[in-house]
Amino acid sequence: MTAEPLFDSAEFRQVCGHFPTGVTAVTAVTGDGTVAALTVNSFTSVSLRPPKVLFCVTSSSSSFPVLMDSARIAIHILSQDQEDVARRFATSGLSGADKLDGVSWVPGPDGVPLLPGTPAVLAGRRDTAITSGDHVIILLDVDHVHLKPTSVPALSFYRGRFVAPSSTPGE
């Protein structure tokens, strides 16, 4: 039995917001062509051999059923000049197709929407989904990567807002 926390969810969110994260756009497609598009900042690499990554999504997301039934998923690492895409894909109440309307994309393997303007893309098939609380951890077997060199820093999220990193190592 888990003890009740001594704080509320708003305080927990505020504390976690002190950790800056990158911002990704996740797209997916089912076998019948239904698409999902959402903004995710809970993303990390898991394994080099075999190549695996994970991201987390709330189970109440309108994109969740598509992700669970997806034939392909693509994770796009967004650059600082793509805040508009992050905001559009974070809009609740829009279907995946509506979120993609007006956003430049091309069909990738199995029809998964790929955003050609992003500096890095990882795509593959859903491996495992692990429910934990009100979120689901989705592990992805990566079988496609694309890197587009750019001098534009990655988009970050910190303390409830999109921010530009103060410096990017190695540039």
N, C-alpha and C. Protein backbone atom coordinates (compact mmCIF):
# COMPACT_ATOMS: atom_id res chain seq x y z
N MET A 1 0.84 -1.18 0.00
CA MET A 1 0.00 0.00 0.00
C MET A 1 0.89 1.25 0.00
N THR A 2 0.60 2.17 -0.89
CA THR A 2 1.37 3.39 -1.02
C THR A 2 0.79 4.47 -0.12
N ALA A 3 1.65 5.13 0.64
CA ALA A 3 1.20 6.22 1.52
C ALA A 3 0.85 7.44 0.67
N GLU A 4 -0.10 8.24 1.13
CA GLU A 4 -0.47 9.47 0.44
C GLU A 4 0.67 10.47 0.57
N PRO A 5 1.01 11.16 -0.53
CA PRO A 5 2.08 12.15 -0.46
C PRO A 5 1.67 13.35 0.39
N LEU A 6 2.66 14.05 0.91
CA LEU A 6 2.42 15.22 1.74
C LEU A 6 2.43 16.52 0.92
N PHE A 7 2.11 16.41 -0.38
CA PHE A 7 2.08 17.55 -1.29
C PHE A 7 1.03 17.26 -2.34
N ASP A 8 0.61 18.29 -3.06
CA ASP A 8 -0.39 18.07 -4.11
C ASP A 8 0.29 17.97 -5.48
N SER A 9 -0.49 17.61 -6.50
CA SER A 9 0.08 17.40 -7.83
C SER A 9 0.63 18.69 -8.43
N ALA A 10 0.05 19.84 -8.10
CA ALA A 10 0.58 21.11 -8.61
C ALA A 10 1.98 21.38 -8.06
N GLU A 11 2.17 21.12 -6.78
CA GLU A 11 3.50 21.31 -6.18
C GLU A 11 4.51 20.32 -6.77
N PHE A 12 4.09 19.09 -6.98
CA PHE A 12 4.96 18.08 -7.57
C PHE A 12 5.38 18.50 -8.98
N ARG A 13 4.43 18.99 -9.76
CA ARG A 13 4.73 19.47 -11.11
C ARG A 13 5.70 20.63 -11.09
N GLN A 14 5.52 21.55 -10.14
CA GLN A 14 6.40 22.70 -10.01
C GLN A 14 7.82 22.26 -9.66
N VAL A 15 7.96 21.33 -8.76
CA VAL A 15 9.28 20.82 -8.38
C VAL A 15 9.95 20.15 -9.58
N CYS A 16 9.22 19.28 -10.28
CA CYS A 16 9.79 18.59 -11.44
C CYS A 16 10.14 19.57 -12.55
N GLY A 17 9.42 20.68 -12.64
CA GLY A 17 9.68 21.68 -13.65
C GLY A 17 11.03 22.38 -13.51
N HIS A 18 11.68 22.20 -12.38
CA HIS A 18 13.02 22.77 -12.18
C HIS A 18 14.10 21.98 -12.91
N PHE A 19 13.73 20.88 -13.51
CA PHE A 19 14.67 20.09 -14.30
C PHE A 19 14.40 20.40 -15.77
N PRO A 20 15.33 21.07 -16.46
CA PRO A 20 15.10 21.38 -17.87
C PRO A 20 15.12 20.11 -18.73
N THR A 21 14.22 20.07 -19.70
CA THR A 21 14.14 18.92 -20.60
C THR A 21 14.16 19.38 -22.05
N GLY A 22 14.49 18.47 -22.93
CA GLY A 22 14.33 18.72 -24.35
C GLY A 22 12.87 18.59 -24.72
N VAL A 23 12.54 18.97 -25.95
CA VAL A 23 11.16 18.90 -26.42
C VAL A 23 11.13 18.10 -27.71
N THR A 24 10.23 17.14 -27.78
CA THR A 24 10.08 16.33 -28.97
C THR A 24 8.65 16.42 -29.49
N ALA A 25 8.51 16.15 -30.78
CA ALA A 25 7.20 15.98 -31.40
C ALA A 25 7.11 14.50 -31.76
N VAL A 26 6.07 13.84 -31.28
CA VAL A 26 5.87 12.42 -31.57
C VAL A 26 4.73 12.30 -32.56
N THR A 27 4.96 11.53 -33.62
CA THR A 27 3.91 11.23 -34.59
C THR A 27 3.77 9.71 -34.69
N ALA A 28 2.57 9.27 -35.02
CA ALA A 28 2.32 7.84 -35.13
C ALA A 28 1.24 7.61 -36.17
N VAL A 29 1.21 6.39 -36.68
CA VAL A 29 0.17 6.01 -37.63
C VAL A 29 -0.24 4.56 -37.35
N THR A 30 -1.55 4.31 -37.45
CA THR A 30 -2.06 2.96 -37.29
C THR A 30 -2.09 2.28 -38.65
N GLY A 31 -2.40 1.00 -38.65
CA GLY A 31 -2.51 0.25 -39.90
C GLY A 31 -3.57 0.80 -40.83
N ASP A 32 -4.63 1.43 -40.28
CA ASP A 32 -5.68 1.97 -41.14
C ASP A 32 -5.45 3.44 -41.51
N GLY A 33 -4.28 3.99 -41.13
CA GLY A 33 -3.93 5.35 -41.53
C GLY A 33 -4.29 6.45 -40.56
N THR A 34 -4.85 6.12 -39.40
CA THR A 34 -5.14 7.13 -38.38
C THR A 34 -3.83 7.64 -37.81
N VAL A 35 -3.70 8.96 -37.68
CA VAL A 35 -2.44 9.54 -37.20
C VAL A 35 -2.61 10.20 -35.84
N ALA A 36 -1.49 10.29 -35.14
CA ALA A 36 -1.41 11.03 -33.88
C ALA A 36 -0.24 11.99 -33.99
N ALA A 37 -0.35 13.11 -33.29
CA ALA A 37 0.74 14.09 -33.21
C ALA A 37 0.66 14.73 -31.83
N LEU A 38 1.74 14.67 -31.08
CA LEU A 38 1.74 15.23 -29.74
C LEU A 38 3.13 15.72 -29.36
N THR A 39 3.17 16.64 -28.41
CA THR A 39 4.42 17.16 -27.89
C THR A 39 4.77 16.38 -26.64
N VAL A 40 6.04 15.95 -26.54
CA VAL A 40 6.50 15.14 -25.42
C VAL A 40 7.83 15.68 -24.93
N ASN A 41 7.97 15.85 -23.62
CA ASN A 41 9.27 16.24 -23.08
C ASN A 41 9.86 15.14 -22.20
N SER A 42 9.14 14.07 -22.01
CA SER A 42 9.66 12.94 -21.23
C SER A 42 10.18 11.87 -22.19
N PHE A 43 11.39 12.09 -22.67
CA PHE A 43 12.02 11.24 -23.67
C PHE A 43 13.44 10.94 -23.23
N THR A 44 13.89 9.71 -23.45
CA THR A 44 15.28 9.37 -23.16
C THR A 44 15.70 8.15 -23.96
N SER A 45 17.00 8.04 -24.19
CA SER A 45 17.51 6.82 -24.80
C SER A 45 17.58 5.75 -23.71
N VAL A 46 17.44 4.50 -24.12
CA VAL A 46 17.42 3.38 -23.19
C VAL A 46 18.57 2.43 -23.45
N SER A 47 18.79 2.09 -24.71
CA SER A 47 19.77 1.06 -25.06
C SER A 47 20.39 1.37 -26.42
N LEU A 48 21.69 1.08 -26.54
CA LEU A 48 22.36 1.19 -27.83
C LEU A 48 22.24 -0.10 -28.63
N ARG A 49 22.27 -1.24 -27.94
CA ARG A 49 22.18 -2.56 -28.59
C ARG A 49 21.18 -3.43 -27.86
N PRO A 50 20.03 -3.60 -28.37
CA PRO A 50 19.49 -2.99 -29.58
C PRO A 50 19.09 -1.54 -29.31
N PRO A 51 19.00 -0.71 -30.36
CA PRO A 51 18.64 0.69 -30.16
C PRO A 51 17.19 0.84 -29.69
N LYS A 52 17.05 1.43 -28.49
CA LYS A 52 15.72 1.65 -27.90
C LYS A 52 15.67 3.01 -27.25
N VAL A 53 14.51 3.64 -27.32
CA VAL A 53 14.23 4.88 -26.63
C VAL A 53 12.89 4.72 -25.92
N LEU A 54 12.59 5.68 -25.05
CA LEU A 54 11.27 5.68 -24.42
C LEU A 54 10.74 7.08 -24.33
N PHE A 55 9.44 7.17 -24.23
CA PHE A 55 8.76 8.43 -23.92
C PHE A 55 7.53 8.09 -23.09
N CYS A 56 7.02 9.08 -22.40
CA CYS A 56 5.86 8.88 -21.55
C CYS A 56 4.70 9.73 -22.03
N VAL A 57 3.51 9.21 -21.89
CA VAL A 57 2.29 9.92 -22.30
C VAL A 57 1.20 9.62 -21.29
N THR A 58 0.38 10.61 -21.01
CA THR A 58 -0.73 10.38 -20.09
C THR A 58 -1.77 9.48 -20.77
N SER A 59 -2.32 8.58 -20.02
CA SER A 59 -3.28 7.64 -20.59
C SER A 59 -4.59 8.32 -20.98
N SER A 60 -4.81 9.56 -20.53
CA SER A 60 -6.03 10.29 -20.90
C SER A 60 -5.84 11.11 -22.17
N SER A 61 -4.65 11.09 -22.77
CA SER A 61 -4.39 11.83 -24.01
C SER A 61 -5.26 11.30 -25.14
N SER A 62 -5.75 12.20 -25.98
CA SER A 62 -6.53 11.76 -27.14
C SER A 62 -5.66 10.97 -28.12
N SER A 63 -4.34 11.15 -28.04
CA SER A 63 -3.40 10.41 -28.90
C SER A 63 -3.11 9.01 -28.39
N PHE A 64 -3.43 8.74 -27.15
CA PHE A 64 -3.07 7.46 -26.52
C PHE A 64 -3.58 6.24 -27.29
N PRO A 65 -4.86 6.18 -27.69
CA PRO A 65 -5.33 4.98 -28.43
C PRO A 65 -4.56 4.76 -29.73
N VAL A 66 -4.22 5.84 -30.43
CA VAL A 66 -3.47 5.70 -31.68
C VAL A 66 -2.08 5.16 -31.39
N LEU A 67 -1.43 5.67 -30.34
CA LEU A 67 -0.10 5.18 -29.98
C LEU A 67 -0.13 3.70 -29.64
N MET A 68 -1.17 3.26 -28.96
CA MET A 68 -1.27 1.85 -28.56
C MET A 68 -1.56 0.94 -29.74
N ASP A 69 -2.16 1.49 -30.79
CA ASP A 69 -2.51 0.70 -31.97
C ASP A 69 -1.61 1.01 -33.16
N SER A 70 -0.52 1.73 -32.91
CA SER A 70 0.30 2.24 -34.01
C SER A 70 1.13 1.16 -34.70
N ALA A 71 1.26 1.34 -36.01
CA ALA A 71 2.17 0.51 -36.80
C ALA A 71 3.58 1.09 -36.71
N ARG A 72 3.69 2.42 -36.65
CA ARG A 72 4.98 3.12 -36.59
C ARG A 72 4.85 4.34 -35.71
N ILE A 73 5.95 4.68 -35.05
CA ILE A 73 6.05 5.90 -34.24
C ILE A 73 7.35 6.60 -34.61
N ALA A 74 7.30 7.93 -34.72
CA ALA A 74 8.50 8.72 -34.97
C ALA A 74 8.63 9.78 -33.88
N ILE A 75 9.85 9.97 -33.40
CA ILE A 75 10.15 10.98 -32.40
C ILE A 75 11.08 11.99 -33.04
N HIS A 76 10.64 13.25 -33.08
CA HIS A 76 11.38 14.34 -33.71
C HIS A 76 11.93 15.24 -32.62
N ILE A 77 13.23 15.41 -32.57
CA ILE A 77 13.84 16.31 -31.60
C ILE A 77 13.74 17.72 -32.19
N LEU A 78 13.03 18.59 -31.50
CA LEU A 78 12.73 19.92 -32.03
C LEU A 78 13.85 20.91 -31.76
N SER A 79 14.01 21.85 -32.68
CA SER A 79 14.99 22.92 -32.52
C SER A 79 14.28 24.16 -31.98
N GLN A 80 15.08 25.09 -31.52
CA GLN A 80 14.57 26.31 -30.90
C GLN A 80 13.60 27.06 -31.80
N ASP A 81 13.78 26.97 -33.11
CA ASP A 81 12.89 27.69 -34.03
C ASP A 81 11.61 26.90 -34.37
N GLN A 82 11.35 25.82 -33.64
CA GLN A 82 10.16 25.01 -33.89
C GLN A 82 9.17 25.03 -32.73
N GLU A 83 9.21 26.10 -31.95
CA GLU A 83 8.27 26.23 -30.83
C GLU A 83 6.83 26.19 -31.31
N ASP A 84 6.57 26.74 -32.51
CA ASP A 84 5.22 26.72 -33.05
C ASP A 84 4.70 25.29 -33.23
N VAL A 85 5.57 24.38 -33.67
CA VAL A 85 5.18 22.97 -33.82
C VAL A 85 4.89 22.37 -32.45
N ALA A 86 5.75 22.65 -31.48
CA ALA A 86 5.54 22.13 -30.12
C ALA A 86 4.21 22.61 -29.56
N ARG A 87 3.91 23.88 -29.74
CA ARG A 87 2.64 24.42 -29.23
C ARG A 87 1.44 23.82 -29.97
N ARG A 88 1.56 23.68 -31.28
CA ARG A 88 0.45 23.12 -32.06
C ARG A 88 0.17 21.67 -31.64
N PHE A 89 1.23 20.87 -31.52
CA PHE A 89 1.06 19.46 -31.16
C PHE A 89 0.62 19.29 -29.70
N ALA A 90 0.77 20.33 -28.88
CA ALA A 90 0.34 20.27 -27.48
C ALA A 90 -1.11 20.74 -27.31
N THR A 91 -1.74 21.19 -28.39
CA THR A 91 -3.11 21.69 -28.33
C THR A 91 -4.08 20.55 -28.06
N SER A 92 -4.84 20.66 -26.98
CA SER A 92 -5.83 19.62 -26.70
C SER A 92 -7.09 19.90 -27.50
N GLY A 93 -7.84 18.86 -27.78
CA GLY A 93 -9.08 19.00 -28.51
C GLY A 93 -8.95 18.86 -30.01
N LEU A 94 -7.72 18.75 -30.52
CA LEU A 94 -7.52 18.55 -31.95
C LEU A 94 -7.12 17.10 -32.22
N SER A 95 -7.59 16.56 -33.33
CA SER A 95 -7.17 15.22 -33.72
C SER A 95 -5.74 15.30 -34.24
N GLY A 96 -5.10 14.15 -34.42
CA GLY A 96 -3.76 14.11 -34.98
C GLY A 96 -3.71 14.74 -36.36
N ALA A 97 -4.71 14.44 -37.17
CA ALA A 97 -4.76 15.01 -38.52
C ALA A 97 -4.90 16.53 -38.47
N ASP A 98 -5.71 17.04 -37.54
CA ASP A 98 -5.87 18.49 -37.40
C ASP A 98 -4.58 19.14 -36.92
N LYS A 99 -3.85 18.48 -36.02
CA LYS A 99 -2.58 19.04 -35.54
C LYS A 99 -1.55 19.11 -36.66
N LEU A 100 -1.60 18.16 -37.59
CA LEU A 100 -0.66 18.15 -38.72
C LEU A 100 -1.04 19.14 -39.82
N ASP A 101 -2.30 19.59 -39.81
CA ASP A 101 -2.76 20.53 -40.83
C ASP A 101 -1.95 21.82 -40.73
N GLY A 102 -1.31 22.20 -41.82
CA GLY A 102 -0.50 23.41 -41.83
C GLY A 102 0.94 23.21 -41.40
N VAL A 103 1.30 22.00 -40.99
CA VAL A 103 2.67 21.67 -40.60
C VAL A 103 3.29 20.87 -41.76
N SER A 104 4.50 21.23 -42.14
CA SER A 104 5.17 20.51 -43.22
C SER A 104 5.55 19.10 -42.77
N TRP A 105 5.08 18.09 -43.50
CA TRP A 105 5.43 16.71 -43.19
C TRP A 105 5.38 15.87 -44.45
N VAL A 106 6.08 14.73 -44.41
CA VAL A 106 6.08 13.77 -45.50
C VAL A 106 5.80 12.39 -44.92
N PRO A 107 5.17 11.51 -45.68
CA PRO A 107 4.95 10.15 -45.17
C PRO A 107 6.26 9.37 -45.16
N GLY A 108 6.56 8.77 -44.02
CA GLY A 108 7.75 7.94 -43.88
C GLY A 108 7.38 6.47 -44.00
N PRO A 109 8.24 5.58 -43.49
CA PRO A 109 7.95 4.15 -43.54
C PRO A 109 6.58 3.83 -42.93
N ASP A 110 5.80 3.04 -43.62
CA ASP A 110 4.45 2.66 -43.20
C ASP A 110 3.52 3.85 -43.04
N GLY A 111 3.87 5.01 -43.61
CA GLY A 111 3.01 6.18 -43.58
C GLY A 111 3.15 7.08 -42.37
N VAL A 112 4.08 6.78 -41.45
CA VAL A 112 4.23 7.63 -40.27
C VAL A 112 4.64 9.04 -40.70
N PRO A 113 3.97 10.08 -40.18
CA PRO A 113 4.34 11.44 -40.56
C PRO A 113 5.76 11.79 -40.06
N LEU A 114 6.59 12.28 -40.98
CA LEU A 114 7.93 12.74 -40.64
C LEU A 114 8.00 14.24 -40.90
N LEU A 115 8.58 14.97 -39.96
CA LEU A 115 8.70 16.42 -40.07
C LEU A 115 10.09 16.74 -40.60
N PRO A 116 10.22 17.12 -41.88
CA PRO A 116 11.53 17.27 -42.49
C PRO A 116 12.38 18.40 -41.92
N GLY A 117 11.80 19.36 -41.22
CA GLY A 117 12.57 20.47 -40.69
C GLY A 117 13.24 20.21 -39.35
N THR A 118 13.04 19.03 -38.78
CA THR A 118 13.62 18.75 -37.47
C THR A 118 15.06 18.27 -37.60
N PRO A 119 15.92 18.63 -36.63
CA PRO A 119 17.32 18.25 -36.73
C PRO A 119 17.61 16.76 -36.51
N ALA A 120 16.72 16.06 -35.83
CA ALA A 120 16.96 14.63 -35.58
C ALA A 120 15.63 13.90 -35.45
N VAL A 121 15.59 12.70 -36.05
CA VAL A 121 14.38 11.87 -36.01
C VAL A 121 14.78 10.44 -35.69
N LEU A 122 14.01 9.80 -34.82
CA LEU A 122 14.15 8.37 -34.54
C LEU A 122 12.78 7.75 -34.80
N ALA A 123 12.74 6.65 -35.52
CA ALA A 123 11.46 6.02 -35.82
C ALA A 123 11.58 4.52 -35.62
N GLY A 124 10.44 3.90 -35.36
CA GLY A 124 10.43 2.46 -35.19
C GLY A 124 9.07 1.96 -34.76
N ARG A 125 9.09 0.77 -34.17
CA ARG A 125 7.86 0.11 -33.73
C ARG A 125 7.80 0.06 -32.21
N ARG A 126 6.58 0.18 -31.70
CA ARG A 126 6.37 0.11 -30.26
C ARG A 126 6.75 -1.28 -29.78
N ASP A 127 7.58 -1.32 -28.74
CA ASP A 127 8.00 -2.58 -28.14
C ASP A 127 7.09 -2.92 -26.97
N THR A 128 7.18 -2.13 -25.94
CA THR A 128 6.47 -2.40 -24.70
C THR A 128 5.80 -1.13 -24.20
N ALA A 129 4.68 -1.28 -23.54
CA ALA A 129 4.02 -0.15 -22.87
C ALA A 129 3.82 -0.54 -21.41
N ILE A 130 4.30 0.31 -20.52
CA ILE A 130 4.26 0.03 -19.08
C ILE A 130 3.43 1.11 -18.40
N THR A 131 2.34 0.72 -17.79
CA THR A 131 1.50 1.68 -17.08
C THR A 131 2.10 1.95 -15.72
N SER A 132 2.20 3.24 -15.39
CA SER A 132 2.69 3.67 -14.09
C SER A 132 1.92 4.93 -13.69
N GLY A 133 1.02 4.77 -12.73
CA GLY A 133 0.19 5.90 -12.33
C GLY A 133 -0.72 6.31 -13.47
N ASP A 134 -0.76 7.62 -13.74
CA ASP A 134 -1.64 8.12 -14.80
C ASP A 134 -0.93 8.23 -16.15
N HIS A 135 0.28 7.71 -16.24
CA HIS A 135 1.04 7.75 -17.49
C HIS A 135 1.41 6.34 -17.95
N VAL A 136 1.79 6.26 -19.23
CA VAL A 136 2.27 5.01 -19.80
C VAL A 136 3.65 5.28 -20.39
N ILE A 137 4.59 4.42 -20.06
CA ILE A 137 5.95 4.49 -20.59
C ILE A 137 5.95 3.64 -21.86
N ILE A 138 6.28 4.25 -22.98
CA ILE A 138 6.29 3.53 -24.25
C ILE A 138 7.73 3.34 -24.70
N LEU A 139 8.14 2.09 -24.85
CA LEU A 139 9.47 1.76 -25.36
C LEU A 139 9.37 1.55 -26.86
N LEU A 140 10.34 2.11 -27.58
CA LEU A 140 10.34 2.06 -29.03
C LEU A 140 11.59 1.35 -29.53
N ASP A 141 11.42 0.33 -30.37
CA ASP A 141 12.54 -0.31 -31.06
C ASP A 141 12.87 0.55 -32.27
N VAL A 142 14.01 1.22 -32.24
CA VAL A 142 14.39 2.17 -33.28
C VAL A 142 15.02 1.43 -34.46
N ASP A 143 14.46 1.64 -35.68
CA ASP A 143 15.03 1.02 -36.88
C ASP A 143 15.32 2.06 -37.96
N HIS A 144 15.10 3.35 -37.63
CA HIS A 144 15.36 4.42 -38.59
C HIS A 144 15.80 5.66 -37.82
N VAL A 145 16.90 6.26 -38.24
CA VAL A 145 17.33 7.54 -37.67
C VAL A 145 17.69 8.48 -38.81
N HIS A 146 17.54 9.76 -38.55
CA HIS A 146 17.94 10.78 -39.53
C HIS A 146 18.50 11.96 -38.75
N LEU A 147 19.65 12.43 -39.17
CA LEU A 147 20.30 13.56 -38.54
C LEU A 147 20.51 14.64 -39.58
N LYS A 148 20.03 15.84 -39.29
CA LYS A 148 20.20 16.99 -40.18
C LYS A 148 21.01 18.02 -39.40
N PRO A 149 22.30 18.13 -39.70
CA PRO A 149 23.14 19.08 -38.95
C PRO A 149 22.57 20.50 -39.00
N THR A 150 22.59 21.15 -37.84
CA THR A 150 22.08 22.50 -37.73
C THR A 150 22.83 23.24 -36.64
N SER A 151 22.89 24.53 -36.76
CA SER A 151 23.51 25.34 -35.72
C SER A 151 22.46 25.88 -34.75
N VAL A 152 21.19 25.61 -35.01
CA VAL A 152 20.12 26.07 -34.14
C VAL A 152 20.03 25.14 -32.93
N PRO A 153 20.08 25.69 -31.73
CA PRO A 153 20.01 24.84 -30.53
C PRO A 153 18.67 24.12 -30.40
N ALA A 154 18.67 23.07 -29.62
CA ALA A 154 17.44 22.32 -29.35
C ALA A 154 16.48 23.17 -28.52
N LEU A 155 15.20 22.92 -28.70
CA LEU A 155 14.16 23.57 -27.90
C LEU A 155 14.14 22.89 -26.53
N SER A 156 14.01 23.68 -25.49
CA SER A 156 13.97 23.15 -24.12
C SER A 156 12.71 23.62 -23.41
N PHE A 157 12.37 22.94 -22.34
CA PHE A 157 11.22 23.28 -21.51
C PHE A 157 11.71 23.37 -20.07
N TYR A 158 11.43 24.50 -19.41
CA TYR A 158 11.94 24.72 -18.06
C TYR A 158 10.96 25.59 -17.29
N ARG A 159 10.56 25.13 -16.13
CA ARG A 159 9.67 25.86 -15.23
C ARG A 159 8.40 26.33 -15.93
N GLY A 160 7.83 25.42 -16.74
CA GLY A 160 6.54 25.67 -17.35
C GLY A 160 6.55 26.47 -18.63
N ARG A 161 7.72 26.66 -19.24
CA ARG A 161 7.73 27.41 -20.49
C ARG A 161 8.86 26.93 -21.40
N PHE A 162 8.70 27.23 -22.67
CA PHE A 162 9.73 26.91 -23.65
C PHE A 162 10.87 27.91 -23.50
N VAL A 163 12.10 27.40 -23.55
CA VAL A 163 13.26 28.27 -23.40
C VAL A 163 14.34 27.84 -24.38
N ALA A 164 15.26 28.76 -24.63
CA ALA A 164 16.43 28.44 -25.45
C ALA A 164 17.57 28.14 -24.49
N PRO A 165 18.34 27.10 -24.77
CA PRO A 165 19.48 26.81 -23.90
C PRO A 165 20.48 27.96 -23.93
N SER A 166 21.14 28.20 -22.81
CA SER A 166 22.09 29.31 -22.76
C SER A 166 23.34 29.02 -23.59
N SER A 167 23.66 27.76 -23.73
CA SER A 167 24.79 27.39 -24.60
C SER A 167 24.63 25.93 -25.01
N THR A 168 25.18 25.60 -26.14
CA THR A 168 25.13 24.24 -26.63
C THR A 168 26.56 23.71 -26.72
N PRO A 169 26.91 22.67 -25.95
CA PRO A 169 28.27 22.15 -25.97
C PRO A 169 28.68 21.67 -27.36
N GLY A 170 29.94 21.88 -27.70
CA GLY A 170 30.49 21.34 -28.94
C GLY A 170 30.20 22.18 -30.16
N GLU A 171 29.65 23.36 -30.01
CA GLU A 171 29.39 24.21 -31.18
C GLU A 171 30.18 25.48 -31.08
